[in-house]
Amino acid sequence: MRYTQLRSFHAVAGTESVTAAADQLNISQPTLTTQIRQLEEEYSLELFVRTGRHVRLTDAGRQLQQITRRLFADEADARHFLTESRELRTGHLRVGAVGPFHATEMLVAFHARYPEIELSVSVGNSNVVLRNLLEFQSDVAVLAFVEDDERLWSSQYSRDRIVAFGRRDHPLFAPGRDGISIIELDGMPIVTREHGSNTRRASDAAMARANVRPKIVMEIGSREAVREAVASGVGFGFVSSAEYIGDDRIRSLPVIDADIYNYAHIVCRRDRLQSRLISAFLDVTRSLRSG
């Protein structure tokens, strides 16, 4: 097994195209194809299924891809350590987040300090963001909830109160009211986020403690879509106060007798804490919290 064979495999696995992988590596297609075929023959494995101009990974190929992702992530870290200046003048930091609010704040601050570093952010639900982090497809994650996992390092960045909101003509959100008792939500129609959302997890837990059971009429995997459904009068909803976007149709109120919070945690793989880019990002976020 040679490094060039693994590099060629990794490129094809990522692009699902021999042509695109060859262009990416700046080598000829026959050379790339030969390297992969030699790798398969040496270990008597089928790594790809060929279908016309496209290829897809076999089960063995997917398992090998998990290893090469770690290999080339470590190689990138080594390259930064050995060749880049202390000021971090080049590089690419990939951030995954469950929502844009706190991630944007962090990225703006990081860009101000390291303007020549390329930044990209991908937004998804908690399961997707965590999976991408563990599989080396992102460098840092901003998550609302983090389970104990020895592979992960995490630090709480913020805590924001979760509020209830509803249409202005909803009896619980009428003008003049400055809060809602959680018992008032029992039996009321609600528009919820999907399972896995921290807003859903925290609000469900608070209502369960109070023996409150609202009537779920919609379950939506987008805070923007939840807001539109609530604004149309379907039911009330919950949202983090930091991410609440009001308009003339809706009104938010605190739940006065329940502590319901959304958290933002900065998370990375423990074995990548020494990465210079990741370490620089963590330094920036620490300065934001203390500022």
Protein backbone atom coordinates (compact mmCIF):
# COMPACT_ATOMS: atom_id res chain seq x y z
CA MET A 1 0.00 0.00 0.00
CA ARG A 2 1.34 3.40 -1.00
CA TYR A 3 0.40 6.89 0.04
CA THR A 4 -0.45 7.79 -3.56
CA GLN A 5 -2.95 4.92 -3.69
CA LEU A 6 -4.72 6.12 -0.55
CA ARG A 7 -4.69 9.70 -1.82
CA SER A 8 -6.29 8.62 -5.09
CA PHE A 9 -8.87 6.50 -3.27
CA HIS A 10 -9.75 9.38 -0.95
CA ALA A 11 -10.20 11.81 -3.85
CA VAL A 12 -12.49 9.48 -5.79
CA ALA A 13 -14.47 8.62 -2.65
CA GLY A 14 -15.05 12.30 -1.96
CA THR A 15 -15.97 13.32 -5.51
CA GLU A 16 -17.64 10.05 -6.65
CA SER A 17 -15.98 10.69 -10.01
CA VAL A 18 -12.68 9.52 -11.47
CA THR A 19 -12.60 12.56 -13.77
CA ALA A 20 -13.15 15.06 -10.96
CA ALA A 21 -10.65 13.29 -8.70
CA ALA A 22 -7.98 13.26 -11.39
CA ASP A 23 -8.50 17.00 -11.97
CA GLN A 24 -8.33 17.61 -8.22
CA LEU A 25 -5.04 15.74 -7.88
CA ASN A 26 -3.67 16.98 -11.22
CA ILE A 27 -2.88 13.47 -12.48
CA SER A 28 -4.16 11.51 -15.45
CA GLN A 29 -7.26 9.36 -15.19
CA PRO A 30 -5.38 6.16 -16.22
CA THR A 31 -2.80 6.76 -13.49
CA LEU A 32 -5.49 7.29 -10.88
CA THR A 33 -7.47 4.25 -12.02
CA THR A 34 -4.33 2.09 -11.94
CA GLN A 35 -3.49 3.18 -8.39
CA ILE A 36 -6.94 2.24 -7.12
CA ARG A 37 -7.01 -1.05 -9.00
CA GLN A 38 -3.60 -1.97 -7.50
CA LEU A 39 -4.93 -1.17 -4.02
CA GLU A 40 -7.98 -3.39 -4.58
CA GLU A 41 -5.93 -6.22 -6.01
CA GLU A 42 -3.28 -6.11 -3.28
CA TYR A 43 -5.90 -6.57 -0.55
CA SER A 44 -8.50 -8.53 -2.56
CA LEU A 45 -11.17 -5.90 -1.87
CA GLU A 46 -13.73 -4.15 -4.01
CA LEU A 47 -13.74 -0.52 -2.93
CA PHE A 48 -15.99 0.95 -5.63
CA VAL A 49 -18.89 -0.13 -7.77
CA ARG A 50 -18.47 1.34 -11.26
CA THR A 51 -21.65 2.51 -13.02
CA GLY A 52 -20.83 4.31 -16.25
CA ARG A 53 -18.94 7.51 -15.51
CA HIS A 54 -19.81 7.45 -11.82
CA VAL A 55 -18.57 5.32 -8.95
CA ARG A 56 -20.02 4.60 -5.54
CA LEU A 57 -18.41 3.17 -2.44
CA THR A 58 -18.89 -0.42 -1.33
CA ASP A 59 -19.21 -1.19 2.40
CA ALA A 60 -15.44 -1.81 2.52
CA GLY A 61 -14.88 1.47 0.68
CA ARG A 62 -16.98 3.41 3.19
CA GLN A 63 -15.01 1.94 6.09
CA LEU A 64 -11.72 2.83 4.42
CA GLN A 65 -12.99 6.36 3.79
CA GLN A 66 -13.49 6.85 7.53
CA ILE A 67 -9.79 6.06 8.00
CA THR A 68 -8.55 8.23 5.14
CA ARG A 69 -10.60 11.17 6.42
CA ARG A 70 -8.68 10.96 9.70
CA LEU A 71 -5.40 10.44 7.83
CA PHE A 72 -5.75 13.49 5.61
CA ALA A 73 -7.17 15.67 8.40
CA ASP A 74 -4.04 14.86 10.43
CA GLU A 75 -1.90 15.53 7.37
CA ALA A 76 -3.52 18.95 6.98
CA ASP A 77 -2.82 19.73 10.64
CA ALA A 78 0.82 18.68 10.19
CA ARG A 79 1.15 20.87 7.10
CA HIS A 80 -0.18 23.89 8.96
CA PHE A 81 2.16 23.26 11.88
CA LEU A 82 5.24 22.84 9.70
CA THR A 83 4.73 25.42 6.97
CA GLU A 84 2.46 28.24 8.11
CA SER A 85 3.50 31.27 10.11
CA ARG A 86 2.49 31.85 13.67
CA GLU A 87 0.05 34.51 12.49
CA LEU A 88 -2.03 31.94 10.59
CA ARG A 89 -1.96 33.66 7.23
CA THR A 90 -3.47 30.79 5.26
CA GLY A 91 -5.83 27.90 5.92
CA HIS A 92 -9.46 26.83 5.90
CA LEU A 93 -11.58 26.45 9.04
CA ARG A 94 -14.83 24.46 8.69
CA VAL A 95 -17.53 25.13 11.29
CA GLY A 96 -20.74 23.14 11.75
CA ALA A 97 -23.66 24.65 13.63
CA VAL A 98 -27.26 23.89 14.57
CA GLY A 99 -28.18 27.54 13.99
CA PRO A 100 -26.61 30.66 12.51
CA PHE A 101 -26.94 33.07 15.43
CA HIS A 102 -23.96 32.32 17.69
CA ALA A 103 -21.90 30.75 14.89
CA THR A 104 -22.10 33.99 12.89
CA GLU A 105 -20.96 36.01 15.88
CA MET A 106 -17.94 33.72 16.29
CA LEU A 107 -17.06 33.70 12.59
CA VAL A 108 -17.19 37.49 12.34
CA ALA A 109 -14.84 37.83 15.31
CA PHE A 110 -12.47 35.16 13.96
CA HIS A 111 -12.39 36.80 10.53
CA ALA A 112 -11.57 40.16 12.10
CA ARG A 113 -8.52 38.63 13.79
CA TYR A 114 -7.46 36.29 10.97
CA PRO A 115 -8.77 37.86 7.75
CA GLU A 116 -6.77 35.61 5.43
CA ILE A 117 -8.18 32.35 6.81
CA GLU A 118 -10.95 30.89 4.64
CA LEU A 119 -14.10 30.15 6.64
CA SER A 120 -17.07 27.96 5.81
CA VAL A 121 -20.11 27.07 7.91
CA SER A 122 -22.64 24.30 7.41
CA VAL A 123 -25.95 24.39 9.27
CA GLY A 124 -27.92 21.25 10.15
CA ASN A 125 -29.61 19.44 13.00
CA SER A 126 -27.62 18.21 15.98
CA ASN A 127 -27.16 14.68 14.67
CA VAL A 128 -25.78 15.82 11.32
CA VAL A 129 -23.47 18.45 12.83
CA LEU A 130 -22.08 15.97 15.37
CA ARG A 131 -21.58 13.26 12.76
CA ASN A 132 -19.69 15.64 10.49
CA LEU A 133 -17.43 16.65 13.38
CA LEU A 134 -16.66 13.06 14.35
CA GLU A 135 -16.01 12.10 10.72
CA PHE A 136 -13.56 15.01 10.18
CA GLN A 137 -15.84 16.81 7.74
CA SER A 138 -15.83 19.85 10.02
CA ASP A 139 -13.23 21.17 12.47
CA VAL A 140 -15.42 22.80 15.12
CA ALA A 141 -19.11 22.53 15.96
CA VAL A 142 -21.54 24.85 17.72
CA LEU A 143 -24.11 22.63 19.41
CA ALA A 144 -26.95 23.23 21.83
CA PHE A 145 -26.61 19.87 23.59
CA VAL A 146 -23.59 17.62 24.00
CA GLU A 147 -23.75 14.12 25.42
CA ASP A 148 -20.79 12.70 27.33
CA ASP A 149 -18.34 11.32 24.78
CA GLU A 150 -14.68 10.76 25.52
CA ARG A 151 -13.85 11.69 21.93
CA LEU A 152 -15.18 15.22 22.37
CA TRP A 153 -14.03 18.41 24.09
CA SER A 154 -16.71 21.01 24.76
CA SER A 155 -17.16 24.34 26.48
CA GLN A 156 -20.36 26.27 27.15
CA TYR A 157 -20.46 29.51 25.18
CA SER A 158 -23.84 30.98 26.11
CA ARG A 159 -27.20 30.40 27.78
CA ASP A 160 -30.37 31.95 26.33
CA ARG A 161 -33.89 31.75 27.73
CA ILE A 162 -36.47 29.92 25.64
CA VAL A 163 -39.70 31.90 25.29
CA ALA A 164 -43.18 31.04 24.08
CA PHE A 165 -44.65 32.91 21.16
CA GLY A 166 -47.99 33.09 19.41
CA ARG A 167 -50.17 35.16 17.14
CA ARG A 168 -51.21 38.49 18.61
CA ASP A 169 -54.88 37.52 18.63
CA HIS A 170 -54.12 34.31 20.57
CA PRO A 171 -55.68 34.67 24.07
CA LEU A 172 -52.39 33.82 25.81
CA PHE A 173 -50.44 36.45 23.88
CA ALA A 174 -52.89 39.32 24.00
CA PRO A 175 -51.54 42.87 24.52
CA GLY A 176 -51.11 43.73 28.17
CA ARG A 177 -49.84 40.31 29.24
CA ASP A 178 -46.19 40.18 30.31
CA GLY A 179 -45.78 36.45 30.86
CA ILE A 180 -47.33 33.00 30.68
CA SER A 181 -47.69 30.35 33.36
CA ILE A 182 -46.65 26.95 32.07
CA ILE A 183 -49.93 25.37 33.23
CA GLU A 184 -51.78 27.65 30.79
CA LEU A 185 -50.19 25.69 27.92
CA ASP A 186 -51.89 22.42 28.90
CA GLY A 187 -54.05 21.19 26.03
CA MET A 188 -53.20 24.17 23.81
CA PRO A 189 -52.33 23.56 20.12
CA ILE A 190 -48.56 23.74 19.60
CA VAL A 191 -46.21 23.84 16.62
CA THR A 192 -42.99 22.06 17.62
CA ARG A 193 -39.50 21.59 16.28
CA GLU A 194 -38.34 18.13 15.28
CA HIS A 195 -37.04 15.57 17.77
CA GLY A 196 -33.32 16.26 18.25
CA SER A 197 -33.85 20.02 18.45
CA ASN A 198 -32.62 21.39 21.78
CA THR A 199 -35.54 23.83 21.89
CA ARG A 200 -37.86 20.83 21.63
CA ARG A 201 -35.88 18.84 24.19
CA ALA A 202 -35.78 21.64 26.77
CA SER A 203 -39.41 22.72 26.39
CA ASP A 204 -40.69 19.13 26.45
CA ALA A 205 -38.73 18.48 29.66
CA ALA A 206 -40.11 21.61 31.35
CA MET A 207 -43.69 20.75 30.41
CA ALA A 208 -43.28 17.14 31.52
CA ARG A 209 -42.07 18.31 34.95
CA ALA A 210 -45.21 20.45 35.24
CA ASN A 211 -47.44 17.63 33.93
CA VAL A 212 -48.43 19.85 31.00
CA ARG A 213 -49.49 18.19 27.75
CA PRO A 214 -50.13 20.53 24.82
CA LYS A 215 -51.74 19.25 21.63
CA ILE A 216 -49.11 18.82 18.91
CA VAL A 217 -50.63 19.87 15.59
CA MET A 218 -47.41 20.26 13.57
CA GLU A 219 -43.80 19.13 13.88
CA ILE A 220 -41.42 21.13 11.66
CA GLY A 221 -37.64 20.93 11.25
CA SER A 222 -37.10 24.65 10.72
CA ARG A 223 -37.47 27.58 13.11
CA GLU A 224 -38.49 29.83 10.20
CA ALA A 225 -41.27 27.43 9.20
CA VAL A 226 -42.41 27.13 12.83
CA ARG A 227 -42.65 30.93 13.00
CA GLU A 228 -44.76 31.06 9.85
CA ALA A 229 -47.08 28.33 11.11
CA VAL A 230 -47.51 30.13 14.44
CA ALA A 231 -48.11 33.43 12.64
CA SER A 232 -50.86 31.76 10.61
CA GLY A 233 -52.70 30.88 13.84
CA VAL A 234 -52.08 27.12 13.93
CA GLY A 235 -50.84 27.20 17.52
CA PHE A 236 -48.14 28.57 19.80
CA GLY A 237 -44.44 27.69 19.68
CA PHE A 238 -41.16 27.89 21.56
CA VAL A 239 -37.98 29.62 20.41
CA SER A 240 -34.68 30.77 21.91
CA SER A 241 -34.91 34.45 22.82
CA ALA A 242 -31.60 35.02 21.00
CA GLU A 243 -33.08 33.67 17.76
CA TYR A 244 -36.57 35.15 18.02
CA ILE A 245 -37.44 37.28 15.00
CA GLY A 246 -40.61 39.19 15.64
CA ASP A 247 -43.04 40.79 13.26
CA ASP A 248 -46.44 42.47 13.50
CA ARG A 249 -48.29 39.14 13.47
CA ILE A 250 -46.72 37.49 16.53
CA ARG A 251 -45.68 38.21 20.11
CA SER A 252 -43.27 36.44 22.47
CA LEU A 253 -43.63 36.10 26.24
CA PRO A 254 -41.47 34.46 28.92
CA VAL A 255 -42.73 31.40 30.78
CA ILE A 256 -42.70 32.95 34.24
CA ASP A 257 -42.71 29.80 36.39
CA ALA A 258 -40.31 27.53 34.46
CA ASP A 259 -36.60 27.84 33.69
CA ILE A 260 -36.23 26.82 30.03
CA TYR A 261 -32.93 27.56 28.38
CA ASN A 262 -31.10 27.00 25.13
CA TYR A 263 -27.33 26.55 25.32
CA ALA A 264 -24.55 27.01 22.82
CA HIS A 265 -21.50 24.79 23.28
CA ILE A 266 -18.29 24.94 21.29
CA VAL A 267 -17.23 21.39 20.50
CA CYS A 268 -14.26 19.77 18.79
CA ARG A 269 -12.61 16.39 18.70
CA ARG A 270 -10.35 15.99 21.73
CA ASP A 271 -7.59 14.58 19.55
CA ARG A 272 -7.57 17.77 17.47
CA LEU A 273 -7.29 20.32 20.29
CA GLN A 274 -3.70 21.02 19.30
CA SER A 275 -4.65 21.97 15.75
CA ARG A 276 -3.44 25.53 15.28
CA LEU A 277 -6.59 26.65 13.48
CA ILE A 278 -8.90 25.10 16.07
CA SER A 279 -6.84 26.48 18.94
CA ALA A 280 -6.99 29.96 17.39
CA PHE A 281 -10.77 29.69 17.01
CA LEU A 282 -11.15 28.66 20.66
CA ASP A 283 -9.02 31.63 21.74
CA VAL A 284 -11.31 33.98 19.82
CA THR A 285 -14.46 32.52 21.37
CA ARG A 286 -12.94 32.79 24.86
CA SER A 287 -12.31 36.48 24.25
CA LEU A 288 -15.94 36.93 23.14
CA ARG A 289 -17.23 35.36 26.34
CA SER A 290 -14.99 37.47 28.54
CA GLY A 291 -15.57 40.67 26.57
